[in-house]
Structure formats: C-alpha cells, structure tokens
N, C-alpha and C. Protein backbone atom coordinates (compact mmCIF):
# COMPACT_ATOMS: atom_id res chain seq x y z
N UNK A 1 8.05 14.63 36.43
CA UNK A 1 9.32 15.24 36.82
C UNK A 1 9.69 14.94 38.27
N UNK A 2 8.72 14.44 39.05
CA UNK A 2 8.97 14.15 40.46
C UNK A 2 8.46 12.74 40.80
N UNK A 3 9.20 11.71 40.38
CA UNK A 3 8.73 10.33 40.61
C UNK A 3 8.55 10.00 42.08
N UNK A 4 9.33 10.63 42.96
CA UNK A 4 9.19 10.37 44.38
C UNK A 4 7.85 10.87 44.91
N UNK A 5 7.43 12.05 44.45
CA UNK A 5 6.13 12.59 44.84
C UNK A 5 5.01 11.74 44.25
N UNK A 6 5.18 11.33 43.00
CA UNK A 6 4.18 10.49 42.34
C UNK A 6 4.00 9.17 43.09
N UNK A 7 5.11 8.57 43.53
CA UNK A 7 5.03 7.30 44.24
C UNK A 7 4.39 7.47 45.61
N UNK A 8 4.75 8.54 46.29
CA UNK A 8 4.15 8.80 47.61
C UNK A 8 2.64 8.99 47.49
N UNK A 9 2.22 9.67 46.44
CA UNK A 9 0.79 9.88 46.20
C UNK A 9 0.11 8.55 45.89
N UNK A 10 0.77 7.72 45.07
CA UNK A 10 0.21 6.41 44.71
C UNK A 10 0.03 5.53 45.95
N UNK A 11 1.00 5.54 46.83
CA UNK A 11 0.92 4.72 48.03
C UNK A 11 -0.24 5.17 48.92
N UNK A 12 -0.46 6.47 49.02
CA UNK A 12 -1.59 6.95 49.81
C UNK A 12 -2.91 6.49 49.19
N UNK A 13 -3.01 6.57 47.87
CA UNK A 13 -4.24 6.18 47.18
C UNK A 13 -4.49 4.68 47.32
N UNK A 14 -3.44 3.88 47.18
CA UNK A 14 -3.61 2.43 47.29
C UNK A 14 -3.98 2.02 48.71
N UNK A 15 -3.75 2.91 49.66
CA UNK A 15 -4.15 2.63 51.03
C UNK A 15 -5.65 2.76 51.24
N UNK A 16 -6.33 3.33 50.26
CA UNK A 16 -7.79 3.41 50.32
C UNK A 16 -8.34 2.19 49.59
N UNK A 17 -8.93 1.23 50.27
CA UNK A 17 -9.29 -0.07 49.68
C UNK A 17 -10.55 -0.05 48.83
N UNK A 18 -10.72 0.96 48.00
CA UNK A 18 -11.88 1.05 47.11
C UNK A 18 -11.42 1.60 45.76
N UNK A 19 -12.19 1.31 44.72
CA UNK A 19 -11.83 1.79 43.39
C UNK A 19 -12.71 2.94 42.93
N UNK A 20 -13.84 3.15 43.60
CA UNK A 20 -14.75 4.23 43.23
C UNK A 20 -15.02 5.09 44.48
N UNK A 21 -14.08 5.96 44.82
CA UNK A 21 -14.21 6.76 46.04
C UNK A 21 -15.29 7.83 45.94
N UNK A 22 -15.87 8.14 47.08
CA UNK A 22 -16.82 9.25 47.16
C UNK A 22 -16.04 10.55 47.30
N UNK A 23 -16.74 11.66 47.25
CA UNK A 23 -16.11 12.96 47.45
C UNK A 23 -15.45 13.02 48.83
N UNK A 24 -16.13 12.45 49.83
CA UNK A 24 -15.58 12.43 51.18
C UNK A 24 -14.31 11.59 51.24
N UNK A 25 -14.30 10.46 50.52
CA UNK A 25 -13.09 9.63 50.48
C UNK A 25 -11.92 10.40 49.89
N UNK A 26 -12.15 11.08 48.77
CA UNK A 26 -11.10 11.83 48.12
C UNK A 26 -10.57 12.96 49.01
N UNK A 27 -11.48 13.64 49.67
CA UNK A 27 -11.07 14.76 50.52
C UNK A 27 -10.38 14.29 51.80
N UNK A 28 -10.47 13.01 52.09
CA UNK A 28 -9.79 12.48 53.28
C UNK A 28 -8.32 12.20 53.02
N UNK A 29 -7.90 12.21 51.75
CA UNK A 29 -6.51 11.92 51.39
C UNK A 29 -5.69 13.19 51.49
N UNK A 30 -4.95 13.32 52.58
CA UNK A 30 -4.25 14.57 52.89
C UNK A 30 -3.16 14.90 51.87
N UNK A 31 -2.40 13.89 51.43
CA UNK A 31 -1.32 14.18 50.48
C UNK A 31 -1.89 14.53 49.11
N UNK A 32 -2.96 13.87 48.71
CA UNK A 32 -3.63 14.22 47.45
C UNK A 32 -4.08 15.67 47.49
N UNK A 33 -4.59 16.11 48.62
CA UNK A 33 -5.04 17.50 48.74
C UNK A 33 -3.87 18.46 48.57
N UNK A 34 -2.73 18.13 49.19
CA UNK A 34 -1.56 19.01 49.06
C UNK A 34 -1.04 19.03 47.63
N UNK A 35 -1.05 17.88 46.98
CA UNK A 35 -0.60 17.81 45.58
C UNK A 35 -1.52 18.65 44.69
N UNK A 36 -2.84 18.53 44.89
CA UNK A 36 -3.80 19.30 44.09
C UNK A 36 -3.58 20.80 44.28
N UNK A 37 -3.37 21.22 45.52
CA UNK A 37 -3.13 22.63 45.79
C UNK A 37 -1.85 23.12 45.10
N UNK A 38 -0.81 22.31 45.15
CA UNK A 38 0.45 22.72 44.55
C UNK A 38 0.37 22.74 43.03
N UNK A 39 -0.35 21.79 42.43
CA UNK A 39 -0.55 21.80 40.98
C UNK A 39 -1.24 23.08 40.55
N UNK A 40 -2.33 23.43 41.24
CA UNK A 40 -3.09 24.62 40.86
C UNK A 40 -2.34 25.91 41.16
N UNK A 41 -1.44 25.87 42.13
CA UNK A 41 -0.62 27.05 42.41
C UNK A 41 0.42 27.27 41.31
N UNK A 42 1.16 26.22 40.98
CA UNK A 42 2.23 26.32 39.97
C UNK A 42 1.65 26.44 38.57
N UNK A 43 0.62 25.65 38.28
CA UNK A 43 0.05 25.60 36.92
C UNK A 43 -1.38 26.11 36.96
N UNK A 44 -1.56 27.36 37.37
CA UNK A 44 -2.91 27.93 37.40
C UNK A 44 -3.52 27.86 36.00
N UNK A 45 -4.78 27.45 35.95
CA UNK A 45 -5.44 27.23 34.66
C UNK A 45 -5.45 28.51 33.82
N UNK A 46 -5.69 29.62 34.47
CA UNK A 46 -5.68 30.92 33.80
C UNK A 46 -4.51 31.73 34.36
N UNK A 47 -3.63 32.19 33.50
CA UNK A 47 -2.44 32.92 33.95
C UNK A 47 -2.77 34.30 34.48
N UNK A 48 -3.81 34.91 33.93
CA UNK A 48 -4.22 36.25 34.36
C UNK A 48 -5.67 36.48 33.94
N UNK A 49 -6.31 37.42 34.59
CA UNK A 49 -7.66 37.78 34.21
C UNK A 49 -7.82 39.29 34.36
N UNK A 50 -8.94 39.81 33.90
CA UNK A 50 -9.16 41.26 33.91
C UNK A 50 -10.47 41.58 34.62
N UNK A 51 -10.44 42.62 35.42
CA UNK A 51 -11.65 43.15 36.04
C UNK A 51 -11.77 44.63 35.67
N UNK A 52 -13.02 45.12 35.59
CA UNK A 52 -13.28 46.52 35.24
C UNK A 52 -13.82 47.24 36.47
N UNK A 53 -13.20 48.36 36.82
CA UNK A 53 -13.61 49.11 38.00
C UNK A 53 -15.03 49.66 37.84
N UNK A 54 -15.87 49.40 38.84
CA UNK A 54 -17.26 49.88 38.80
C UNK A 54 -17.39 51.30 39.34
N UNK A 55 -16.35 51.77 40.03
CA UNK A 55 -16.36 53.15 40.53
C UNK A 55 -14.93 53.61 40.78
N UNK A 56 -14.78 54.89 40.96
CA UNK A 56 -13.46 55.47 41.21
C UNK A 56 -12.98 55.07 42.60
N UNK A 57 -11.67 54.81 42.72
CA UNK A 57 -11.14 54.37 44.01
C UNK A 57 -9.62 54.53 44.01
N UNK A 58 -9.02 54.28 45.16
CA UNK A 58 -7.56 54.26 45.28
C UNK A 58 -7.16 52.91 45.85
N UNK A 59 -6.30 52.19 45.11
CA UNK A 59 -5.82 50.89 45.56
C UNK A 59 -4.55 51.11 46.37
N UNK A 60 -4.55 50.80 47.67
CA UNK A 60 -3.35 51.02 48.49
C UNK A 60 -2.25 50.04 48.13
N UNK A 61 -1.01 50.47 48.26
CA UNK A 61 0.15 49.64 47.94
C UNK A 61 0.89 49.25 49.21
N UNK A 62 1.34 48.03 49.28
CA UNK A 62 2.13 47.57 50.41
C UNK A 62 3.51 48.23 50.39
N UNK A 63 4.05 48.41 49.18
CA UNK A 63 5.36 49.04 49.01
C UNK A 63 5.23 50.24 48.08
N UNK A 64 5.44 51.45 48.56
CA UNK A 64 5.35 52.64 47.70
C UNK A 64 6.37 52.59 46.56
N UNK A 65 6.07 53.30 45.49
CA UNK A 65 7.01 53.37 44.37
C UNK A 65 7.18 54.82 43.94
N UNK A 66 8.29 55.08 43.26
CA UNK A 66 8.59 56.42 42.76
C UNK A 66 8.42 56.43 41.25
N UNK A 67 7.61 57.36 40.74
CA UNK A 67 7.38 57.41 39.29
C UNK A 67 8.54 58.12 38.59
N UNK A 68 8.45 58.25 37.28
CA UNK A 68 9.55 58.82 36.50
C UNK A 68 9.76 60.30 36.76
N UNK A 69 8.79 60.93 37.42
CA UNK A 69 8.92 62.35 37.75
C UNK A 69 9.46 62.55 39.17
N UNK A 70 9.77 61.44 39.85
CA UNK A 70 10.31 61.53 41.19
C UNK A 70 9.27 61.60 42.29
N UNK A 71 7.99 61.46 41.94
CA UNK A 71 6.91 61.52 42.93
C UNK A 71 6.68 60.13 43.52
N UNK A 72 6.57 60.07 44.85
CA UNK A 72 6.35 58.81 45.55
C UNK A 72 4.85 58.55 45.69
N UNK A 73 4.45 57.32 45.38
CA UNK A 73 3.03 56.94 45.45
C UNK A 73 2.86 55.77 46.43
N UNK A 74 1.87 55.88 47.31
CA UNK A 74 1.54 54.75 48.19
C UNK A 74 0.20 54.13 47.83
N UNK A 75 -0.33 54.52 46.67
CA UNK A 75 -1.58 53.96 46.17
C UNK A 75 -1.71 54.25 44.68
N UNK A 76 -2.63 53.55 44.03
CA UNK A 76 -2.87 53.74 42.60
C UNK A 76 -4.30 54.24 42.41
N UNK A 77 -4.44 55.38 41.77
CA UNK A 77 -5.76 55.95 41.52
C UNK A 77 -6.43 55.22 40.36
N UNK A 78 -7.62 54.72 40.60
CA UNK A 78 -8.37 53.96 39.60
C UNK A 78 -9.64 54.72 39.25
N UNK A 79 -9.88 54.91 37.97
CA UNK A 79 -11.10 55.57 37.51
C UNK A 79 -12.17 54.55 37.15
N UNK A 80 -13.41 54.94 37.22
CA UNK A 80 -14.50 54.07 36.81
C UNK A 80 -14.31 53.66 35.35
N UNK A 81 -14.42 52.36 35.08
CA UNK A 81 -14.25 51.86 33.73
C UNK A 81 -12.84 51.40 33.41
N UNK A 82 -11.88 51.67 34.29
CA UNK A 82 -10.50 51.21 34.06
C UNK A 82 -10.44 49.68 34.12
N UNK A 83 -9.69 49.11 33.18
CA UNK A 83 -9.46 47.66 33.19
C UNK A 83 -8.24 47.37 34.05
N UNK A 84 -8.36 46.40 34.94
CA UNK A 84 -7.28 46.04 35.86
C UNK A 84 -6.90 44.58 35.63
N UNK A 85 -5.64 44.35 35.30
CA UNK A 85 -5.15 42.99 35.09
C UNK A 85 -4.80 42.37 36.44
N UNK A 86 -5.32 41.17 36.71
CA UNK A 86 -5.01 40.42 37.92
C UNK A 86 -4.05 39.30 37.53
N UNK A 87 -2.77 39.41 37.89
CA UNK A 87 -1.76 38.43 37.45
C UNK A 87 -1.78 37.17 38.33
N UNK A 88 -2.67 36.27 38.03
CA UNK A 88 -2.90 35.08 38.86
C UNK A 88 -1.61 34.28 39.05
N UNK A 89 -0.98 33.91 37.95
CA UNK A 89 0.22 33.07 38.02
C UNK A 89 1.35 33.78 38.77
N UNK A 90 1.49 35.08 38.56
CA UNK A 90 2.55 35.83 39.22
C UNK A 90 2.35 35.82 40.73
N UNK A 91 1.13 36.10 41.20
CA UNK A 91 0.86 36.11 42.63
C UNK A 91 1.06 34.72 43.23
N UNK A 92 0.68 33.69 42.47
CA UNK A 92 0.81 32.31 42.96
C UNK A 92 2.26 31.84 43.07
N UNK A 93 3.18 32.55 42.43
CA UNK A 93 4.58 32.11 42.43
C UNK A 93 5.55 33.22 42.81
N UNK A 94 5.07 34.22 43.50
CA UNK A 94 5.90 35.36 43.88
C UNK A 94 6.78 34.99 45.08
N UNK A 95 8.08 35.20 44.93
CA UNK A 95 9.02 34.83 45.99
C UNK A 95 8.78 35.62 47.27
N UNK A 96 8.34 36.86 47.16
CA UNK A 96 8.10 37.67 48.35
C UNK A 96 6.93 37.13 49.17
N UNK A 97 6.10 36.29 48.56
CA UNK A 97 4.97 35.67 49.27
C UNK A 97 5.29 34.24 49.66
N UNK A 98 5.80 33.46 48.70
CA UNK A 98 5.96 32.01 48.88
C UNK A 98 7.35 31.58 49.31
N UNK A 99 8.32 32.50 49.25
CA UNK A 99 9.68 32.14 49.63
C UNK A 99 10.57 31.88 48.43
N UNK A 100 11.86 31.62 48.65
CA UNK A 100 12.82 31.46 47.54
C UNK A 100 12.54 30.25 46.64
N UNK A 101 11.78 29.28 47.13
CA UNK A 101 11.46 28.10 46.30
C UNK A 101 10.08 28.24 45.67
N UNK A 102 9.62 29.46 45.48
CA UNK A 102 8.26 29.73 45.01
C UNK A 102 7.91 29.03 43.70
N UNK A 103 8.90 28.84 42.83
CA UNK A 103 8.63 28.24 41.51
C UNK A 103 8.92 26.74 41.48
N UNK A 104 9.24 26.18 42.63
CA UNK A 104 9.48 24.74 42.71
C UNK A 104 8.21 24.01 43.15
N UNK A 105 8.05 22.80 42.63
CA UNK A 105 6.88 21.99 42.96
C UNK A 105 7.14 21.25 44.26
N UNK A 106 6.44 21.64 45.32
CA UNK A 106 6.67 21.06 46.64
C UNK A 106 5.36 20.98 47.42
N UNK A 107 4.65 19.86 47.33
CA UNK A 107 3.37 19.72 48.03
C UNK A 107 3.49 19.92 49.54
N UNK A 108 4.64 19.62 50.11
CA UNK A 108 4.78 19.72 51.57
C UNK A 108 4.85 21.16 52.06
N UNK A 109 4.93 22.14 51.14
CA UNK A 109 4.90 23.53 51.59
C UNK A 109 3.55 23.85 52.26
N UNK A 110 2.52 23.05 51.94
CA UNK A 110 1.19 23.31 52.49
C UNK A 110 1.06 22.87 53.95
N UNK A 111 2.10 22.22 54.46
CA UNK A 111 2.10 21.86 55.87
C UNK A 111 2.44 23.07 56.75
N UNK A 112 3.13 24.05 56.16
CA UNK A 112 3.56 25.22 56.93
C UNK A 112 3.71 26.40 55.96
N UNK A 113 2.60 27.04 55.64
CA UNK A 113 2.62 28.12 54.66
C UNK A 113 3.24 29.40 55.24
N UNK A 114 3.94 30.16 54.41
CA UNK A 114 4.44 31.46 54.86
C UNK A 114 3.27 32.36 55.28
N UNK A 115 3.50 33.19 56.26
CA UNK A 115 2.45 34.06 56.78
C UNK A 115 1.89 34.98 55.70
N UNK A 116 2.73 35.37 54.75
CA UNK A 116 2.30 36.30 53.69
C UNK A 116 1.17 35.74 52.84
N UNK A 117 1.05 34.42 52.76
CA UNK A 117 0.00 33.84 51.92
C UNK A 117 -1.40 34.10 52.49
N UNK A 118 -1.48 34.41 53.77
CA UNK A 118 -2.79 34.66 54.38
C UNK A 118 -3.45 35.92 53.83
N UNK A 119 -2.66 36.80 53.23
CA UNK A 119 -3.19 38.05 52.69
C UNK A 119 -3.73 37.91 51.27
N UNK A 120 -3.50 36.74 50.64
CA UNK A 120 -4.00 36.54 49.28
C UNK A 120 -5.52 36.38 49.34
N UNK A 121 -6.28 37.22 48.64
CA UNK A 121 -7.74 37.21 48.76
C UNK A 121 -8.44 36.18 47.88
N UNK A 122 -7.86 34.99 47.76
CA UNK A 122 -8.46 33.95 46.93
C UNK A 122 -9.59 33.24 47.65
N UNK A 123 -10.50 32.65 46.88
CA UNK A 123 -11.64 31.95 47.47
C UNK A 123 -11.25 30.57 47.98
N UNK A 124 -10.07 30.07 47.57
CA UNK A 124 -9.64 28.72 47.97
C UNK A 124 -8.13 28.62 48.00
N UNK A 125 -7.62 27.93 48.99
CA UNK A 125 -6.23 27.48 49.01
C UNK A 125 -5.16 28.54 49.09
N UNK A 126 -5.43 29.71 49.70
CA UNK A 126 -4.39 30.74 49.80
C UNK A 126 -3.73 31.04 48.46
N UNK A 127 -4.53 31.06 47.40
CA UNK A 127 -4.00 31.36 46.07
C UNK A 127 -5.10 31.99 45.23
N UNK A 128 -4.72 32.50 44.05
CA UNK A 128 -5.69 33.20 43.19
C UNK A 128 -6.20 32.35 42.04
N UNK A 129 -5.95 31.05 42.05
CA UNK A 129 -6.32 30.20 40.92
C UNK A 129 -7.81 30.25 40.60
N UNK A 130 -8.65 30.45 41.61
CA UNK A 130 -10.09 30.57 41.37
C UNK A 130 -10.59 31.99 41.68
N UNK A 131 -9.65 32.94 41.74
CA UNK A 131 -9.93 34.34 42.04
C UNK A 131 -10.58 34.44 43.43
N UNK A 132 -11.25 35.53 43.72
CA UNK A 132 -11.86 35.73 45.02
C UNK A 132 -13.00 36.71 44.94
N UNK A 133 -13.72 36.87 46.03
CA UNK A 133 -14.82 37.82 46.06
C UNK A 133 -16.05 37.33 45.31
N UNK A 134 -17.01 38.24 45.06
CA UNK A 134 -18.28 37.85 44.42
C UNK A 134 -18.13 37.37 42.98
N UNK A 135 -16.99 37.63 42.34
CA UNK A 135 -16.77 37.19 40.96
C UNK A 135 -15.83 35.99 40.88
N UNK A 136 -15.68 35.30 41.99
CA UNK A 136 -14.81 34.11 41.99
C UNK A 136 -15.48 32.97 41.22
N UNK A 137 -14.71 31.94 40.92
CA UNK A 137 -15.21 30.80 40.15
C UNK A 137 -16.31 30.07 40.92
N UNK A 138 -17.50 30.00 40.36
CA UNK A 138 -18.63 29.40 41.05
C UNK A 138 -18.51 27.88 41.13
N UNK A 139 -17.70 27.29 40.25
CA UNK A 139 -17.60 25.83 40.22
C UNK A 139 -16.30 25.29 40.79
N UNK A 140 -15.63 26.06 41.66
CA UNK A 140 -14.29 25.63 42.09
C UNK A 140 -14.32 24.34 42.89
N UNK A 141 -15.35 24.12 43.70
CA UNK A 141 -15.40 22.88 44.49
C UNK A 141 -15.55 21.66 43.58
N UNK A 142 -16.39 21.78 42.56
CA UNK A 142 -16.54 20.68 41.60
C UNK A 142 -15.24 20.42 40.85
N UNK A 143 -14.56 21.50 40.45
CA UNK A 143 -13.30 21.37 39.70
C UNK A 143 -12.24 20.64 40.53
N UNK A 144 -12.16 20.95 41.81
CA UNK A 144 -11.16 20.32 42.68
C UNK A 144 -11.45 18.84 42.85
N UNK A 145 -12.71 18.49 43.11
CA UNK A 145 -13.08 17.08 43.29
C UNK A 145 -12.87 16.31 41.99
N UNK A 146 -13.23 16.93 40.86
CA UNK A 146 -13.02 16.29 39.56
C UNK A 146 -11.54 16.01 39.33
N UNK A 147 -10.70 16.97 39.67
CA UNK A 147 -9.26 16.81 39.52
C UNK A 147 -8.74 15.67 40.39
N UNK A 148 -9.21 15.62 41.63
CA UNK A 148 -8.78 14.57 42.55
C UNK A 148 -9.24 13.20 42.06
N UNK A 149 -10.45 13.12 41.51
CA UNK A 149 -10.97 11.85 41.01
C UNK A 149 -10.14 11.34 39.83
N UNK A 150 -9.76 12.24 38.93
CA UNK A 150 -8.94 11.85 37.78
C UNK A 150 -7.56 11.39 38.24
N UNK A 151 -6.96 12.14 39.16
CA UNK A 151 -5.65 11.74 39.68
C UNK A 151 -5.73 10.39 40.38
N UNK A 152 -6.79 10.17 41.14
CA UNK A 152 -6.97 8.91 41.86
C UNK A 152 -6.99 7.74 40.87
N UNK A 153 -7.73 7.88 39.80
CA UNK A 153 -7.85 6.81 38.81
C UNK A 153 -6.55 6.59 38.05
N UNK A 154 -5.88 7.67 37.65
CA UNK A 154 -4.68 7.56 36.81
C UNK A 154 -3.43 7.16 37.59
N UNK A 155 -3.18 7.84 38.70
CA UNK A 155 -1.93 7.61 39.44
C UNK A 155 -1.91 6.24 40.11
N UNK A 156 -3.06 5.75 40.54
CA UNK A 156 -3.12 4.41 41.13
C UNK A 156 -2.72 3.34 40.11
N UNK A 157 -3.05 3.55 38.86
CA UNK A 157 -2.88 2.51 37.85
C UNK A 157 -1.63 2.66 36.99
N UNK A 158 -1.14 3.88 36.81
CA UNK A 158 -0.06 4.10 35.86
C UNK A 158 1.05 4.97 36.44
N UNK A 159 2.26 4.78 35.89
CA UNK A 159 3.39 5.64 36.19
C UNK A 159 3.62 6.55 34.98
N UNK A 160 3.85 7.82 35.24
CA UNK A 160 4.02 8.80 34.18
C UNK A 160 5.40 9.44 34.28
N UNK A 161 6.02 9.65 33.11
CA UNK A 161 7.26 10.42 33.06
C UNK A 161 7.32 11.16 31.73
N UNK A 162 8.01 12.29 31.72
CA UNK A 162 8.15 13.06 30.49
C UNK A 162 8.95 12.27 29.46
N UNK A 163 8.55 12.37 28.20
CA UNK A 163 9.29 11.72 27.12
C UNK A 163 10.25 12.69 26.44
N UNK A 164 10.31 13.92 26.95
CA UNK A 164 11.20 14.94 26.41
C UNK A 164 11.91 15.62 27.59
N UNK A 165 12.93 16.39 27.28
CA UNK A 165 13.62 17.14 28.33
C UNK A 165 12.67 18.20 28.90
N UNK A 166 12.66 18.41 30.23
CA UNK A 166 11.77 19.41 30.83
C UNK A 166 11.90 20.80 30.23
N UNK A 167 13.12 21.18 29.77
CA UNK A 167 13.28 22.52 29.22
C UNK A 167 12.63 22.67 27.85
N UNK A 168 12.13 21.57 27.28
CA UNK A 168 11.41 21.63 26.02
C UNK A 168 9.93 21.98 26.21
N UNK A 169 9.43 21.83 27.43
CA UNK A 169 8.01 22.07 27.70
C UNK A 169 7.79 23.54 28.06
N UNK A 170 6.93 24.19 27.32
CA UNK A 170 6.59 25.59 27.59
C UNK A 170 5.09 25.70 27.81
N UNK A 171 4.68 26.82 28.36
CA UNK A 171 3.26 27.06 28.59
C UNK A 171 2.75 28.07 27.57
N UNK A 172 1.61 27.72 26.96
CA UNK A 172 0.99 28.63 26.00
C UNK A 172 -0.45 28.87 26.44
N UNK A 173 -0.85 30.12 26.42
CA UNK A 173 -2.18 30.49 26.90
C UNK A 173 -3.11 30.77 25.72
N UNK A 174 -4.26 30.14 25.73
CA UNK A 174 -5.35 30.51 24.83
C UNK A 174 -6.43 31.04 25.77
N UNK A 175 -7.53 30.32 25.93
CA UNK A 175 -8.45 30.67 27.00
C UNK A 175 -7.88 30.19 28.32
N UNK A 176 -7.30 28.99 28.28
CA UNK A 176 -6.61 28.44 29.44
C UNK A 176 -5.17 28.13 29.06
N UNK A 177 -4.33 27.86 30.06
CA UNK A 177 -2.91 27.57 29.83
C UNK A 177 -2.72 26.09 29.54
N UNK A 178 -1.97 25.78 28.47
CA UNK A 178 -1.73 24.39 28.08
C UNK A 178 -0.26 24.22 27.71
N UNK A 179 0.23 22.97 27.74
CA UNK A 179 1.64 22.72 27.42
C UNK A 179 1.87 22.59 25.91
N UNK A 180 3.06 22.98 25.50
CA UNK A 180 3.49 22.81 24.11
C UNK A 180 4.99 22.56 24.15
N UNK A 181 5.55 22.20 22.99
CA UNK A 181 6.98 21.94 22.91
C UNK A 181 7.69 23.11 22.24
N UNK A 182 8.78 23.53 22.86
CA UNK A 182 9.58 24.63 22.33
C UNK A 182 10.09 24.32 20.92
N UNK A 183 10.41 23.05 20.67
CA UNK A 183 10.99 22.65 19.39
C UNK A 183 9.94 22.39 18.31
N UNK A 184 8.66 22.30 18.71
CA UNK A 184 7.61 22.00 17.72
C UNK A 184 6.38 22.88 17.94
N UNK A 185 6.54 24.19 17.92
CA UNK A 185 5.41 25.08 18.18
C UNK A 185 4.29 24.95 17.16
N UNK A 186 4.68 24.53 15.93
CA UNK A 186 3.68 24.42 14.87
C UNK A 186 2.70 23.27 15.11
N UNK A 187 3.03 22.35 16.01
CA UNK A 187 2.15 21.21 16.29
C UNK A 187 1.11 21.51 17.37
N UNK A 188 1.13 22.72 17.89
CA UNK A 188 0.12 23.10 18.86
C UNK A 188 0.37 22.50 20.24
N UNK A 189 -0.70 22.31 20.98
CA UNK A 189 -0.59 21.83 22.36
C UNK A 189 -0.24 20.34 22.39
N UNK A 190 0.74 19.98 23.22
CA UNK A 190 1.09 18.58 23.39
C UNK A 190 1.98 18.42 24.62
N UNK A 191 2.01 17.22 25.15
CA UNK A 191 2.87 16.90 26.29
C UNK A 191 3.25 15.43 26.19
N UNK A 192 4.31 15.11 25.43
CA UNK A 192 4.72 13.71 25.25
C UNK A 192 5.12 13.07 26.58
N UNK A 193 4.55 11.90 26.85
CA UNK A 193 4.84 11.19 28.09
C UNK A 193 5.04 9.71 27.83
N UNK A 194 5.81 9.08 28.70
CA UNK A 194 5.90 7.63 28.74
C UNK A 194 4.99 7.15 29.86
N UNK A 195 4.14 6.19 29.54
CA UNK A 195 3.17 5.70 30.52
C UNK A 195 3.30 4.19 30.63
N UNK A 196 3.43 3.71 31.85
CA UNK A 196 3.50 2.26 32.07
C UNK A 196 2.62 1.90 33.25
N UNK A 197 2.17 0.65 33.27
CA UNK A 197 1.34 0.21 34.38
C UNK A 197 2.15 0.23 35.67
N UNK A 198 1.56 0.76 36.71
CA UNK A 198 2.25 0.81 38.00
C UNK A 198 2.46 -0.59 38.55
N UNK A 199 3.59 -0.82 39.17
CA UNK A 199 3.91 -2.14 39.72
C UNK A 199 2.95 -2.52 40.85
N UNK A 200 2.52 -3.78 40.80
CA UNK A 200 1.68 -4.30 41.88
C UNK A 200 0.24 -3.86 41.82
N UNK A 201 -0.18 -3.21 40.71
CA UNK A 201 -1.56 -2.77 40.58
C UNK A 201 -2.38 -3.83 39.85
N UNK A 202 -3.52 -4.15 40.38
CA UNK A 202 -4.36 -5.20 39.82
C UNK A 202 -4.92 -4.79 38.45
N UNK A 203 -4.83 -5.68 37.48
CA UNK A 203 -5.42 -5.45 36.17
C UNK A 203 -6.87 -5.91 36.19
N UNK A 204 -7.64 -5.42 35.21
CA UNK A 204 -9.02 -5.90 35.11
C UNK A 204 -9.00 -7.38 34.80
N UNK A 205 -9.85 -8.13 35.45
CA UNK A 205 -9.87 -9.57 35.27
C UNK A 205 -9.22 -10.31 36.41
N UNK A 206 -8.58 -9.56 37.33
CA UNK A 206 -8.07 -10.18 38.54
C UNK A 206 -6.57 -10.43 38.55
N UNK A 207 -5.87 -10.26 37.40
CA UNK A 207 -4.44 -10.51 37.37
C UNK A 207 -3.65 -9.29 37.78
N UNK A 208 -2.29 -9.39 37.71
CA UNK A 208 -1.42 -8.29 38.05
C UNK A 208 -0.47 -7.98 36.89
C-alpha cells in the first residue's frame, strides 16, 4: 500500500553489500528498524491479552470517569482473581497517545515520538506489542531480528502490491491476528498480492 516506503527500504538494504547479513548488520539499518517498529505497532501480532490479578489493588486512572450513578472515580478497584484485558492494538493506535495520524502507517514517526508514548510500559519500542514487565514476551529480540531478516531477503529481491482493494482486507484474530478478505470470509486467512522481481536486482547465476 506504500510503494514509496517499500522503495526507500529497498534502497537502504541494497546499500548493504552483502546477501547474508548478521544481526549487527540488520540492526544497523535505521530505516528498516523504523519500518519494523511501525509494522508491529499498526499490526500487533496479538490484538489483546489477559492478565489475572494476584492480589487486591486499585489501578489509578489518568482521566477520572463518572459512573451511571453519578459517582466520580479516579481509580478502578481490582480484586484478587479478576481478569484484566490489556488492549494491545488499541493502546498502540490511540490518538491521545500517538496523535491524529495514529492509524496511519508512517515509519518516520519514530524519528520524533510524542511524549505520551514514554508512559507505555512495553518491553520494547514504546508499544505493547510484546507486553511489559516480568510476563513480557521472552523471545521478542529473536522475533524482531527474524522479522528484519525476512524483510531483508524479500524486499531486496521483490516488489509487492495488493491484488485487491485495501478496503477488502480485514483482520481476523485466532491465536494471532491474520488477514482475510471481506468478500471471501469462507476461504479463511489470505492476502492476495502481485509480486514481481525488483528492478536492477541480481538473479541467481549472475544475470539481472
């Protein structure tokens, strides 16, 4: 959906004169890092998760609310054993945190993040994609490097574009969030794309 971003990323990758980069090589690519952060912010693998309170507590609120009885609350009372939903995708795309373009894909936002993002208690990237605290994702560093390695291999060699209208693509959650088509829900998860070899990229065997 963003060929200009895809091309900018490809040019950065082609500037690295190797085909099998190390973890350090991948982490040295600044634009790739911003793209990876923005992908995981907009398309968090898990839309929400649940935690169970281990003891009674009061969760303070930044903005008080008034209940249906007219009582104002500046915190939420939590009992031991209560299940608490953590809305990962919502926090990652909340306009009050990320600004009016919160739902737009913009890797350059990572050059100057809104101050509000500093309060997000995530273990990585000012976001909740890998949660935070002692129950955060133990493999998040591996997942990020794996993602960068796949992007490095694919984007350097191929150009990708949607083969359907963007409004046809919806997100469906099972254990993780995956794409499906609004017009063909019975076919399950899918993301039709047109793929062509990127211009000027060397083919195996030495040709172009």
